[in-house]
N, C-alpha and C. Protein backbone atom coordinates (compact mmCIF):
# COMPACT_ATOMS: atom_id res chain seq x y z
N UNK A 1 -52.11 46.28 90.21
CA UNK A 1 -53.04 47.39 89.99
C UNK A 1 -54.32 47.22 90.81
N UNK A 2 -54.40 46.15 91.62
CA UNK A 2 -55.59 45.92 92.42
C UNK A 2 -55.85 47.11 93.34
N UNK A 3 -57.10 47.57 93.35
CA UNK A 3 -57.45 48.67 94.23
C UNK A 3 -57.14 50.03 93.67
N UNK A 4 -56.52 50.11 92.51
CA UNK A 4 -56.19 51.40 91.91
C UNK A 4 -57.43 52.00 91.26
N UNK A 5 -57.68 53.28 91.50
CA UNK A 5 -58.84 53.97 90.94
C UNK A 5 -58.52 54.38 89.50
N UNK A 6 -59.34 53.91 88.58
CA UNK A 6 -59.13 54.17 87.15
C UNK A 6 -59.94 55.40 86.74
N UNK A 7 -59.25 56.39 86.16
CA UNK A 7 -59.88 57.68 85.86
C UNK A 7 -59.85 57.97 84.38
N UNK A 8 -60.98 58.47 83.86
CA UNK A 8 -61.07 58.98 82.50
C UNK A 8 -61.21 60.50 82.56
N UNK A 9 -60.37 61.22 81.82
CA UNK A 9 -60.42 62.68 81.79
C UNK A 9 -61.16 63.13 80.53
N UNK A 10 -62.17 64.00 80.72
CA UNK A 10 -62.96 64.47 79.59
C UNK A 10 -62.97 66.00 79.59
N UNK A 11 -62.30 66.60 78.61
CA UNK A 11 -62.24 68.06 78.51
C UNK A 11 -61.78 68.39 77.09
N UNK A 12 -62.37 69.43 76.51
CA UNK A 12 -61.98 69.77 75.14
C UNK A 12 -60.69 70.58 75.07
N UNK A 13 -60.12 70.92 76.22
CA UNK A 13 -58.86 71.65 76.28
C UNK A 13 -57.73 70.66 76.57
N UNK A 14 -56.86 70.45 75.59
CA UNK A 14 -55.78 69.48 75.74
C UNK A 14 -54.83 69.84 76.89
N UNK A 15 -54.63 71.15 77.11
CA UNK A 15 -53.74 71.57 78.19
C UNK A 15 -54.33 71.24 79.55
N UNK A 16 -55.64 71.39 79.69
CA UNK A 16 -56.31 71.02 80.94
C UNK A 16 -56.17 69.53 81.18
N UNK A 17 -56.38 68.74 80.15
CA UNK A 17 -56.25 67.28 80.29
C UNK A 17 -54.83 66.91 80.69
N UNK A 18 -53.85 67.55 80.07
CA UNK A 18 -52.45 67.23 80.37
C UNK A 18 -52.12 67.55 81.82
N UNK A 19 -52.59 68.70 82.31
CA UNK A 19 -52.34 69.07 83.70
C UNK A 19 -53.00 68.13 84.67
N UNK A 20 -54.25 67.76 84.40
CA UNK A 20 -54.96 66.83 85.27
C UNK A 20 -54.30 65.45 85.26
N UNK A 21 -53.88 65.02 84.08
CA UNK A 21 -53.25 63.71 83.95
C UNK A 21 -51.96 63.66 84.77
N UNK A 22 -51.15 64.69 84.66
CA UNK A 22 -49.90 64.73 85.41
C UNK A 22 -50.17 64.71 86.92
N UNK A 23 -51.16 65.49 87.34
CA UNK A 23 -51.49 65.58 88.76
C UNK A 23 -52.03 64.26 89.31
N UNK A 24 -52.97 63.65 88.60
CA UNK A 24 -53.62 62.45 89.12
C UNK A 24 -52.71 61.22 89.02
N UNK A 25 -51.94 61.13 87.94
CA UNK A 25 -51.03 59.99 87.83
C UNK A 25 -49.94 60.03 88.89
N UNK A 26 -49.70 61.21 89.45
CA UNK A 26 -48.71 61.33 90.52
C UNK A 26 -49.27 61.04 91.89
N UNK A 27 -50.59 60.81 91.98
CA UNK A 27 -51.22 60.54 93.27
C UNK A 27 -51.28 59.04 93.53
N UNK A 28 -51.07 58.66 94.76
CA UNK A 28 -51.09 57.24 95.13
C UNK A 28 -52.48 56.65 94.93
N UNK A 29 -52.53 55.47 94.32
CA UNK A 29 -53.79 54.76 94.19
C UNK A 29 -54.69 55.23 93.07
N UNK A 30 -54.18 56.09 92.18
CA UNK A 30 -54.98 56.62 91.07
C UNK A 30 -54.19 56.48 89.77
N UNK A 31 -54.87 56.08 88.71
CA UNK A 31 -54.22 56.05 87.40
C UNK A 31 -55.19 56.58 86.35
N UNK A 32 -54.68 57.39 85.43
CA UNK A 32 -55.48 57.90 84.32
C UNK A 32 -55.40 56.88 83.19
N UNK A 33 -56.55 56.29 82.83
CA UNK A 33 -56.54 55.22 81.83
C UNK A 33 -56.83 55.74 80.43
N UNK A 34 -57.44 56.95 80.31
CA UNK A 34 -57.74 57.47 78.99
C UNK A 34 -58.16 58.94 79.10
N UNK A 35 -58.17 59.60 77.93
CA UNK A 35 -58.62 60.98 77.83
C UNK A 35 -59.63 61.09 76.69
N UNK A 36 -60.51 62.08 76.79
CA UNK A 36 -61.49 62.32 75.73
C UNK A 36 -61.70 63.82 75.59
N UNK A 37 -62.00 64.26 74.36
CA UNK A 37 -62.14 65.69 74.08
C UNK A 37 -63.58 66.16 74.05
N UNK A 38 -64.54 65.23 74.14
CA UNK A 38 -65.95 65.61 74.19
C UNK A 38 -66.76 64.44 74.74
N UNK A 39 -68.08 64.67 74.89
CA UNK A 39 -68.91 63.66 75.50
C UNK A 39 -69.02 62.38 74.70
N UNK A 40 -69.02 62.48 73.37
CA UNK A 40 -69.09 61.28 72.56
C UNK A 40 -67.84 60.43 72.72
N UNK A 41 -66.67 61.08 72.72
CA UNK A 41 -65.43 60.35 72.95
C UNK A 41 -65.41 59.74 74.35
N UNK A 42 -66.04 60.42 75.31
CA UNK A 42 -66.09 59.89 76.68
C UNK A 42 -66.84 58.57 76.73
N UNK A 43 -67.95 58.49 75.98
CA UNK A 43 -68.73 57.25 75.95
C UNK A 43 -67.93 56.13 75.31
N UNK A 44 -67.25 56.45 74.20
CA UNK A 44 -66.41 55.44 73.54
C UNK A 44 -65.27 54.99 74.44
N UNK A 45 -64.61 55.95 75.10
CA UNK A 45 -63.49 55.62 75.98
C UNK A 45 -63.94 54.80 77.19
N UNK A 46 -65.15 55.06 77.67
CA UNK A 46 -65.68 54.27 78.79
C UNK A 46 -65.87 52.82 78.36
N UNK A 47 -66.38 52.60 77.16
CA UNK A 47 -66.53 51.24 76.63
C UNK A 47 -65.18 50.53 76.56
N UNK A 48 -64.15 51.27 76.15
CA UNK A 48 -62.84 50.66 75.92
C UNK A 48 -62.05 50.45 77.20
N UNK A 49 -62.21 51.33 78.19
CA UNK A 49 -61.30 51.31 79.35
C UNK A 49 -61.97 51.07 80.71
N UNK A 50 -63.30 51.08 80.76
CA UNK A 50 -64.04 50.80 82.00
C UNK A 50 -63.49 51.59 83.20
N UNK A 51 -63.50 52.91 83.14
CA UNK A 51 -62.99 53.70 84.27
C UNK A 51 -63.93 53.60 85.48
N UNK A 52 -63.36 53.82 86.65
CA UNK A 52 -64.17 53.91 87.87
C UNK A 52 -64.76 55.31 88.02
N UNK A 53 -63.95 56.31 87.65
CA UNK A 53 -64.32 57.71 87.80
C UNK A 53 -64.14 58.43 86.46
N UNK A 54 -65.10 59.27 86.10
CA UNK A 54 -64.96 60.14 84.93
C UNK A 54 -64.95 61.58 85.42
N UNK A 55 -63.86 62.30 85.14
CA UNK A 55 -63.80 63.74 85.42
C UNK A 55 -64.32 64.44 84.17
N UNK A 56 -65.49 65.08 84.28
CA UNK A 56 -66.24 65.54 83.12
C UNK A 56 -66.37 67.06 83.05
N UNK A 57 -65.90 67.64 81.95
CA UNK A 57 -66.18 69.04 81.68
C UNK A 57 -67.64 69.16 81.21
N UNK A 58 -68.19 70.36 81.21
CA UNK A 58 -69.58 70.54 80.80
C UNK A 58 -69.72 71.00 79.36
N UNK A 59 -69.07 72.10 79.01
CA UNK A 59 -69.26 72.68 77.68
C UNK A 59 -68.22 72.13 76.71
N UNK A 60 -68.69 71.25 75.82
CA UNK A 60 -67.80 70.59 74.86
C UNK A 60 -68.55 70.42 73.55
N UNK A 61 -67.84 70.27 72.44
CA UNK A 61 -68.51 70.06 71.14
C UNK A 61 -69.18 68.69 71.07
N UNK A 62 -70.03 68.55 70.09
CA UNK A 62 -70.76 67.31 69.79
C UNK A 62 -71.70 66.92 70.93
N UNK A 63 -71.19 66.27 71.97
CA UNK A 63 -72.02 65.88 73.10
C UNK A 63 -71.51 66.58 74.34
N UNK A 64 -72.37 67.35 75.00
CA UNK A 64 -71.94 68.10 76.19
C UNK A 64 -71.83 67.19 77.41
N UNK A 65 -71.26 67.75 78.48
CA UNK A 65 -70.98 66.95 79.66
C UNK A 65 -72.20 66.44 80.38
N UNK A 66 -73.28 67.22 80.43
CA UNK A 66 -74.49 66.77 81.12
C UNK A 66 -75.14 65.61 80.35
N UNK A 67 -75.22 65.72 79.04
CA UNK A 67 -75.78 64.63 78.23
C UNK A 67 -74.93 63.37 78.38
N UNK A 68 -73.61 63.52 78.33
CA UNK A 68 -72.72 62.37 78.47
C UNK A 68 -72.87 61.74 79.85
N UNK A 69 -72.99 62.58 80.88
CA UNK A 69 -73.17 62.06 82.24
C UNK A 69 -74.45 61.24 82.33
N UNK A 70 -75.52 61.77 81.78
CA UNK A 70 -76.81 61.06 81.83
C UNK A 70 -76.71 59.70 81.13
N UNK A 71 -76.05 59.67 79.97
CA UNK A 71 -75.92 58.42 79.23
C UNK A 71 -75.05 57.41 79.96
N UNK A 72 -73.96 57.89 80.54
CA UNK A 72 -73.07 56.98 81.28
C UNK A 72 -73.75 56.43 82.52
N UNK A 73 -74.47 57.28 83.24
CA UNK A 73 -75.09 56.85 84.49
C UNK A 73 -76.29 55.94 84.25
N UNK A 74 -76.81 55.90 83.01
CA UNK A 74 -77.94 55.03 82.69
C UNK A 74 -77.51 53.59 82.43
N UNK A 75 -76.21 53.35 82.42
CA UNK A 75 -75.70 52.01 82.11
C UNK A 75 -75.91 51.06 83.28
N UNK A 76 -75.80 49.78 82.98
CA UNK A 76 -75.96 48.76 84.03
C UNK A 76 -74.86 48.87 85.06
N UNK A 77 -73.64 49.08 84.62
CA UNK A 77 -72.49 49.25 85.53
C UNK A 77 -71.82 50.59 85.23
N UNK A 78 -72.42 51.67 85.70
CA UNK A 78 -71.93 53.00 85.33
C UNK A 78 -70.72 53.44 86.13
N UNK A 79 -69.85 54.24 85.52
CA UNK A 79 -68.78 54.87 86.29
C UNK A 79 -69.37 56.02 87.10
N UNK A 80 -68.68 56.41 88.15
CA UNK A 80 -69.06 57.62 88.87
C UNK A 80 -68.55 58.83 88.06
N UNK A 81 -69.30 59.92 88.09
CA UNK A 81 -68.94 61.10 87.32
C UNK A 81 -68.74 62.29 88.27
N UNK A 82 -67.60 62.94 88.13
CA UNK A 82 -67.34 64.19 88.84
C UNK A 82 -67.24 65.30 87.80
N UNK A 83 -68.13 66.27 87.88
CA UNK A 83 -68.07 67.40 86.97
C UNK A 83 -66.95 68.34 87.42
N UNK A 84 -66.13 68.76 86.48
CA UNK A 84 -65.04 69.71 86.76
C UNK A 84 -65.15 70.81 85.71
N UNK A 85 -65.59 71.99 86.13
CA UNK A 85 -65.95 73.02 85.16
C UNK A 85 -65.65 74.42 85.69
N UNK A 86 -65.69 75.39 84.80
CA UNK A 86 -65.60 76.79 85.21
C UNK A 86 -66.99 77.41 85.31
N UNK A 87 -68.03 76.69 84.88
CA UNK A 87 -69.38 77.24 84.80
C UNK A 87 -70.21 76.76 85.98
N UNK A 88 -70.45 77.65 86.95
CA UNK A 88 -71.14 77.25 88.18
C UNK A 88 -72.52 77.87 88.29
N UNK A 89 -73.22 78.00 87.16
CA UNK A 89 -74.58 78.52 87.22
C UNK A 89 -75.49 77.52 87.92
N UNK A 90 -76.58 78.01 88.50
CA UNK A 90 -77.53 77.12 89.17
C UNK A 90 -78.04 76.06 88.21
N UNK A 91 -78.30 76.47 86.98
CA UNK A 91 -78.82 75.53 85.99
C UNK A 91 -77.84 74.39 85.74
N UNK A 92 -76.56 74.72 85.57
CA UNK A 92 -75.56 73.68 85.33
C UNK A 92 -75.43 72.75 86.53
N UNK A 93 -75.42 73.32 87.72
CA UNK A 93 -75.26 72.51 88.93
C UNK A 93 -76.41 71.52 89.06
N UNK A 94 -77.62 72.03 88.99
CA UNK A 94 -78.79 71.17 89.19
C UNK A 94 -78.90 70.13 88.08
N UNK A 95 -78.70 70.53 86.83
CA UNK A 95 -78.81 69.58 85.72
C UNK A 95 -77.75 68.49 85.83
N UNK A 96 -76.54 68.85 86.22
CA UNK A 96 -75.47 67.85 86.35
C UNK A 96 -75.79 66.85 87.46
N UNK A 97 -76.26 67.35 88.59
CA UNK A 97 -76.56 66.46 89.70
C UNK A 97 -77.76 65.58 89.38
N UNK A 98 -78.75 66.14 88.74
CA UNK A 98 -79.91 65.33 88.37
C UNK A 98 -79.55 64.31 87.29
N UNK A 99 -78.55 64.60 86.49
CA UNK A 99 -78.09 63.63 85.48
C UNK A 99 -77.36 62.46 86.10
N UNK A 100 -76.98 62.61 87.37
CA UNK A 100 -76.33 61.50 88.06
C UNK A 100 -74.91 61.74 88.51
N UNK A 101 -74.41 62.97 88.35
CA UNK A 101 -73.04 63.27 88.79
C UNK A 101 -72.93 63.10 90.31
N UNK A 102 -71.83 62.53 90.75
CA UNK A 102 -71.60 62.33 92.18
C UNK A 102 -70.75 63.44 92.78
N UNK A 103 -70.34 64.39 91.97
CA UNK A 103 -69.55 65.50 92.47
C UNK A 103 -69.59 66.66 91.49
N UNK A 104 -69.35 67.85 92.01
CA UNK A 104 -69.32 69.05 91.17
C UNK A 104 -68.22 69.94 91.72
N UNK A 105 -67.13 70.06 90.96
CA UNK A 105 -66.00 70.87 91.36
C UNK A 105 -65.73 71.95 90.33
N UNK A 106 -65.18 73.05 90.79
CA UNK A 106 -64.77 74.12 89.89
C UNK A 106 -63.29 73.95 89.54
N UNK A 107 -62.90 74.47 88.38
CA UNK A 107 -61.53 74.25 87.91
C UNK A 107 -60.49 75.02 88.72
N UNK A 108 -60.94 75.93 89.57
CA UNK A 108 -59.99 76.58 90.47
C UNK A 108 -59.83 75.83 91.79
N UNK A 109 -60.40 74.63 91.87
CA UNK A 109 -60.24 73.79 93.06
C UNK A 109 -58.77 73.40 93.21
N UNK A 110 -58.20 73.48 94.41
CA UNK A 110 -56.80 73.09 94.61
C UNK A 110 -56.56 71.64 94.20
N UNK A 111 -55.39 71.35 93.63
CA UNK A 111 -55.11 69.98 93.19
C UNK A 111 -55.33 68.92 94.25
N UNK A 112 -54.94 69.19 95.48
CA UNK A 112 -55.10 68.20 96.54
C UNK A 112 -56.56 67.86 96.76
N UNK A 113 -57.43 68.85 96.60
CA UNK A 113 -58.86 68.59 96.80
C UNK A 113 -59.45 67.80 95.63
N UNK A 114 -58.93 68.00 94.43
CA UNK A 114 -59.39 67.19 93.30
C UNK A 114 -59.02 65.74 93.51
N UNK A 115 -57.78 65.50 93.97
CA UNK A 115 -57.35 64.13 94.28
C UNK A 115 -58.23 63.54 95.37
N UNK A 116 -58.52 64.34 96.40
CA UNK A 116 -59.39 63.87 97.49
C UNK A 116 -60.77 63.53 96.96
N UNK A 117 -61.29 64.36 96.05
CA UNK A 117 -62.62 64.12 95.49
C UNK A 117 -62.68 62.79 94.75
N UNK A 118 -61.65 62.52 93.95
CA UNK A 118 -61.61 61.25 93.21
C UNK A 118 -61.63 60.08 94.19
N UNK A 119 -60.84 60.17 95.24
CA UNK A 119 -60.76 59.09 96.22
C UNK A 119 -62.08 58.92 96.96
N UNK A 120 -62.68 60.03 97.37
CA UNK A 120 -63.92 59.96 98.14
C UNK A 120 -65.09 59.45 97.31
N UNK A 121 -65.20 59.94 96.09
CA UNK A 121 -66.29 59.49 95.23
C UNK A 121 -66.13 58.01 94.90
N UNK A 122 -64.91 57.57 94.69
CA UNK A 122 -64.65 56.14 94.44
C UNK A 122 -65.07 55.29 95.64
N UNK A 123 -65.01 55.88 96.83
CA UNK A 123 -65.40 55.17 98.05
C UNK A 123 -66.89 55.29 98.35
N UNK A 124 -67.61 56.04 97.52
CA UNK A 124 -69.05 56.15 97.70
C UNK A 124 -69.56 57.42 98.32
N UNK A 125 -68.67 58.39 98.55
CA UNK A 125 -69.08 59.66 99.16
C UNK A 125 -69.08 60.76 98.11
N UNK A 126 -70.24 61.34 97.80
CA UNK A 126 -70.28 62.45 96.85
C UNK A 126 -69.57 63.67 97.42
N UNK A 127 -69.11 64.55 96.55
CA UNK A 127 -68.39 65.73 97.03
C UNK A 127 -68.71 66.92 96.14
N UNK A 128 -68.85 68.09 96.77
CA UNK A 128 -69.13 69.32 96.06
C UNK A 128 -68.14 70.38 96.52
N UNK A 129 -67.81 71.31 95.62
CA UNK A 129 -67.02 72.46 96.04
C UNK A 129 -67.79 73.22 97.12
N UNK A 130 -67.10 73.77 98.12
CA UNK A 130 -67.80 74.52 99.17
C UNK A 130 -68.72 75.61 98.61
N UNK A 131 -68.26 76.29 97.55
CA UNK A 131 -69.09 77.34 96.95
C UNK A 131 -70.38 76.77 96.39
N UNK A 132 -70.29 75.56 95.80
CA UNK A 132 -71.47 74.92 95.24
C UNK A 132 -72.42 74.49 96.35
N UNK A 133 -71.87 73.97 97.44
CA UNK A 133 -72.69 73.56 98.58
C UNK A 133 -73.49 74.74 99.11
N UNK A 134 -72.83 75.88 99.26
CA UNK A 134 -73.52 77.07 99.75
C UNK A 134 -74.66 77.47 98.82
N UNK A 135 -74.39 77.40 97.52
CA UNK A 135 -75.43 77.81 96.57
C UNK A 135 -76.61 76.86 96.60
N UNK A 136 -76.35 75.57 96.77
CA UNK A 136 -77.45 74.61 96.86
C UNK A 136 -78.27 74.85 98.12
N UNK A 137 -77.59 75.16 99.21
CA UNK A 137 -78.29 75.40 100.46
C UNK A 137 -79.16 76.64 100.37
N UNK A 138 -78.70 77.63 99.58
CA UNK A 138 -79.42 78.89 99.47
C UNK A 138 -80.48 78.88 98.35
N UNK A 139 -80.41 77.84 97.55
CA UNK A 139 -81.29 77.78 96.37
C UNK A 139 -82.76 77.63 96.77
N UNK A 140 -83.60 78.44 96.21
CA UNK A 140 -85.03 78.32 96.45
C UNK A 140 -85.67 77.54 95.32
N UNK A 141 -86.75 76.89 95.63
CA UNK A 141 -87.43 76.09 94.63
C UNK A 141 -88.15 77.03 93.65
N UNK A 142 -87.79 76.94 92.38
CA UNK A 142 -88.39 77.81 91.37
C UNK A 142 -89.32 77.07 90.41
N UNK A 143 -89.18 75.78 90.32
CA UNK A 143 -90.04 75.03 89.41
C UNK A 143 -91.38 74.77 90.07
N UNK A 144 -92.45 75.06 89.32
CA UNK A 144 -93.80 74.87 89.86
C UNK A 144 -93.99 73.41 90.25
N UNK A 145 -94.46 73.20 91.49
CA UNK A 145 -94.78 71.86 91.95
C UNK A 145 -93.60 71.06 92.46
N UNK A 146 -92.37 71.61 92.40
CA UNK A 146 -91.20 70.85 92.83
C UNK A 146 -91.28 70.50 94.31
N UNK A 147 -91.72 71.46 95.12
CA UNK A 147 -91.83 71.22 96.56
C UNK A 147 -92.82 70.08 96.85
N UNK A 148 -93.99 70.17 96.21
CA UNK A 148 -95.01 69.15 96.45
C UNK A 148 -94.55 67.77 95.97
N UNK A 149 -93.90 67.72 94.80
CA UNK A 149 -93.44 66.43 94.28
C UNK A 149 -92.38 65.82 95.19
N UNK A 150 -91.48 66.67 95.70
CA UNK A 150 -90.43 66.17 96.59
C UNK A 150 -91.03 65.64 97.88
N UNK A 151 -91.99 66.38 98.46
CA UNK A 151 -92.63 65.94 99.70
C UNK A 151 -93.39 64.64 99.49
N UNK A 152 -94.05 64.52 98.34
CA UNK A 152 -94.81 63.31 98.05
C UNK A 152 -93.88 62.10 97.89
N UNK A 153 -92.75 62.33 97.23
CA UNK A 153 -91.79 61.23 97.05
C UNK A 153 -91.23 60.77 98.39
N UNK A 154 -90.86 61.71 99.24
CA UNK A 154 -90.29 61.36 100.53
C UNK A 154 -91.32 60.72 101.45
N UNK A 155 -92.59 61.01 101.21
CA UNK A 155 -93.66 60.42 102.03
C UNK A 155 -93.78 58.91 101.81
N UNK A 156 -93.18 58.39 100.74
CA UNK A 156 -93.22 56.94 100.49
C UNK A 156 -92.21 56.19 101.34
N UNK A 157 -91.33 56.92 102.02
CA UNK A 157 -90.30 56.29 102.84
C UNK A 157 -90.84 55.95 104.22
N UNK A 158 -90.22 54.97 104.87
CA UNK A 158 -90.54 54.69 106.26
C UNK A 158 -89.99 55.82 107.12
N UNK A 159 -90.47 55.97 108.36
CA UNK A 159 -89.93 57.02 109.23
C UNK A 159 -88.41 56.95 109.38
N UNK A 160 -87.86 55.74 109.48
CA UNK A 160 -86.41 55.59 109.64
C UNK A 160 -85.69 56.01 108.36
N UNK A 161 -86.21 55.61 107.21
CA UNK A 161 -85.61 56.01 105.94
C UNK A 161 -85.68 57.52 105.77
N UNK A 162 -86.76 58.12 106.23
CA UNK A 162 -86.91 59.56 106.15
C UNK A 162 -85.81 60.25 106.96
N UNK A 163 -85.52 59.74 108.15
CA UNK A 163 -84.45 60.29 108.98
C UNK A 163 -83.11 60.17 108.28
N UNK A 164 -82.88 59.03 107.64
CA UNK A 164 -81.62 58.81 106.92
C UNK A 164 -81.52 59.79 105.74
N UNK A 165 -82.61 60.00 105.02
CA UNK A 165 -82.60 60.92 103.88
C UNK A 165 -82.26 62.34 104.33
N UNK A 166 -82.83 62.77 105.45
CA UNK A 166 -82.52 64.10 105.97
C UNK A 166 -81.06 64.19 106.37
N UNK A 167 -80.53 63.13 107.00
CA UNK A 167 -79.13 63.11 107.41
C UNK A 167 -78.20 63.20 106.20
N UNK A 168 -78.56 62.51 105.12
CA UNK A 168 -77.77 62.58 103.89
C UNK A 168 -77.75 64.01 103.36
N UNK A 169 -78.92 64.67 103.39
CA UNK A 169 -79.01 66.05 102.91
C UNK A 169 -78.17 66.99 103.76
N UNK A 170 -77.92 66.62 104.99
CA UNK A 170 -77.10 67.43 105.89
C UNK A 170 -75.61 67.11 105.76
N UNK A 171 -75.28 66.23 104.81
CA UNK A 171 -73.88 65.92 104.54
C UNK A 171 -73.30 64.82 105.39
N UNK A 172 -74.15 64.04 106.04
CA UNK A 172 -73.65 62.98 106.91
C UNK A 172 -73.17 61.78 106.10
N UNK A 173 -72.08 61.17 106.52
CA UNK A 173 -71.60 59.93 105.91
C UNK A 173 -72.37 58.75 106.52
N UNK A 174 -72.18 57.56 105.96
CA UNK A 174 -72.83 56.38 106.53
C UNK A 174 -72.42 56.16 107.98
N UNK A 175 -71.14 56.41 108.27
CA UNK A 175 -70.66 56.25 109.64
C UNK A 175 -71.34 57.25 110.57
N UNK A 176 -71.49 58.50 110.10
CA UNK A 176 -72.17 59.53 110.90
C UNK A 176 -73.61 59.12 111.17
N UNK A 177 -74.28 58.65 110.12
CA UNK A 177 -75.69 58.26 110.25
C UNK A 177 -75.83 57.12 111.25
N UNK A 178 -74.94 56.13 111.15
CA UNK A 178 -75.00 55.00 112.07
C UNK A 178 -74.87 55.46 113.51
N UNK A 179 -73.95 56.39 113.75
CA UNK A 179 -73.73 56.89 115.12
C UNK A 179 -74.90 57.72 115.61
N UNK A 180 -75.34 58.67 114.79
CA UNK A 180 -76.38 59.61 115.21
C UNK A 180 -77.75 58.95 115.36
N UNK A 181 -78.03 57.94 114.54
CA UNK A 181 -79.34 57.29 114.59
C UNK A 181 -79.29 55.95 115.31
N UNK A 182 -78.15 55.66 115.92
CA UNK A 182 -77.97 54.45 116.75
C UNK A 182 -78.31 53.19 115.96
N UNK A 183 -77.54 52.94 114.93
CA UNK A 183 -77.71 51.73 114.14
C UNK A 183 -76.35 51.29 113.63
N UNK A 184 -76.25 50.06 113.17
CA UNK A 184 -75.00 49.58 112.60
C UNK A 184 -74.76 50.22 111.24
N UNK A 185 -73.50 50.29 110.84
CA UNK A 185 -73.21 50.91 109.55
C UNK A 185 -73.78 50.09 108.39
N UNK A 186 -73.86 48.76 108.57
CA UNK A 186 -74.48 47.92 107.54
C UNK A 186 -75.95 48.27 107.39
N UNK A 187 -76.62 48.53 108.52
CA UNK A 187 -78.03 48.92 108.48
C UNK A 187 -78.18 50.28 107.81
N UNK A 188 -77.27 51.21 108.12
CA UNK A 188 -77.32 52.54 107.49
C UNK A 188 -77.19 52.41 105.97
N UNK A 189 -76.25 51.59 105.52
CA UNK A 189 -76.08 51.38 104.08
C UNK A 189 -77.32 50.76 103.45
N UNK A 190 -77.95 49.84 104.19
CA UNK A 190 -79.16 49.18 103.68
C UNK A 190 -80.29 50.20 103.52
N UNK A 191 -80.40 51.11 104.48
CA UNK A 191 -81.43 52.15 104.38
C UNK A 191 -81.17 53.05 103.17
N UNK A 192 -79.91 53.41 102.94
CA UNK A 192 -79.57 54.25 101.78
C UNK A 192 -79.95 53.54 100.48
N UNK A 193 -79.62 52.26 100.39
CA UNK A 193 -79.95 51.48 99.19
C UNK A 193 -81.46 51.42 98.98
N UNK A 194 -82.20 51.23 100.08
CA UNK A 194 -83.66 51.16 99.99
C UNK A 194 -84.25 52.49 99.52
N UNK A 195 -83.70 53.60 100.03
CA UNK A 195 -84.17 54.93 99.62
C UNK A 195 -83.95 55.14 98.13
N UNK A 196 -82.74 54.80 97.65
CA UNK A 196 -82.42 54.96 96.23
C UNK A 196 -83.39 54.16 95.37
N UNK A 197 -83.67 52.93 95.79
CA UNK A 197 -84.57 52.06 95.02
C UNK A 197 -85.99 52.61 95.01
N UNK A 198 -86.50 52.99 96.18
CA UNK A 198 -87.88 53.48 96.28
C UNK A 198 -88.09 54.77 95.48
N UNK A 199 -87.10 55.64 95.51
CA UNK A 199 -87.25 56.94 94.87
C UNK A 199 -86.76 56.96 93.43
N UNK A 200 -86.16 55.85 92.97
CA UNK A 200 -85.67 55.78 91.60
C UNK A 200 -84.51 56.72 91.34
N UNK A 201 -83.62 56.87 92.35
CA UNK A 201 -82.48 57.77 92.24
C UNK A 201 -81.20 56.98 92.04
N UNK A 202 -80.15 57.69 91.60
CA UNK A 202 -78.88 57.02 91.30
C UNK A 202 -77.87 57.10 92.43
N UNK A 203 -77.91 58.18 93.23
CA UNK A 203 -76.86 58.35 94.23
C UNK A 203 -77.33 59.24 95.37
N UNK A 204 -76.47 59.38 96.36
CA UNK A 204 -76.79 60.13 97.57
C UNK A 204 -77.00 61.62 97.29
N UNK A 205 -76.28 62.14 96.31
CA UNK A 205 -76.44 63.55 95.99
C UNK A 205 -77.86 63.86 95.55
N UNK A 206 -78.47 62.95 94.79
CA UNK A 206 -79.84 63.15 94.34
C UNK A 206 -80.82 63.07 95.51
N UNK A 207 -80.52 62.22 96.50
CA UNK A 207 -81.34 62.19 97.71
C UNK A 207 -81.28 63.55 98.39
N UNK A 208 -80.07 64.11 98.50
CA UNK A 208 -79.90 65.41 99.15
C UNK A 208 -80.67 66.50 98.39
N UNK A 209 -80.62 66.47 97.06
CA UNK A 209 -81.35 67.44 96.26
C UNK A 209 -82.85 67.35 96.51
N UNK A 210 -83.36 66.13 96.59
CA UNK A 210 -84.78 65.95 96.82
C UNK A 210 -85.17 66.49 98.19
N UNK A 211 -84.33 66.21 99.19
CA UNK A 211 -84.62 66.71 100.53
C UNK A 211 -84.56 68.23 100.56
N UNK A 212 -83.62 68.83 99.82
CA UNK A 212 -83.55 70.29 99.73
C UNK A 212 -84.83 70.84 99.10
N UNK A 213 -85.29 70.19 98.02
CA UNK A 213 -86.51 70.63 97.34
C UNK A 213 -87.71 70.56 98.28
N UNK A 214 -87.68 69.57 99.18
CA UNK A 214 -88.79 69.38 100.12
C UNK A 214 -88.67 70.29 101.35
N UNK A 215 -87.59 71.06 101.41
CA UNK A 215 -87.39 71.98 102.53
C UNK A 215 -86.98 71.32 103.81
N UNK A 216 -86.30 70.17 103.71
CA UNK A 216 -85.95 69.41 104.91
C UNK A 216 -84.52 69.58 105.36
N UNK A 217 -83.77 70.48 104.72
CA UNK A 217 -82.38 70.69 105.16
C UNK A 217 -81.99 72.14 104.93
């Protein structure tokens, strides 16, 4: 089982869980280790099974998906969370990403792309549905002071880190960043880690959100 991506499915619809389980268990290098019907069960199942990836619905009884994502991502060794939902409102998207989700997919996403998302997020690359990406790119800052706070946060970075943050917001991978900014991939990864630490963020998606808020992408 070495190298196999361990997945926890969280959805209050048993039929959805069954379909996802059948699809993912049939994919090479992925195994479904547990299922949960709400956010509270997701937390318990994470304790019991230590998944690498949690596929998380948003609207569920007891504990919703955004609250569960925030609690899971606050752990010392958190699983990565991919939101899989039918609700693509701006509020849901932004709250999920700010809670620490590394991906946001809609339930009409083709099965092959869901499998790809699990693999990519497990490898450290966040992923969003194309429709979600377009909405984030078009989103205007509506919260008072968000632009100023984002600019102030990014101003704490070195010039090189600032370039890396902008590249992340443009969807560049570590390999892309290394090539475009003429640095080794190890150096690119080190810059990403430094940015996350300085800004108090959990993942690359949150860096991209901050850069979007600052008007840099």
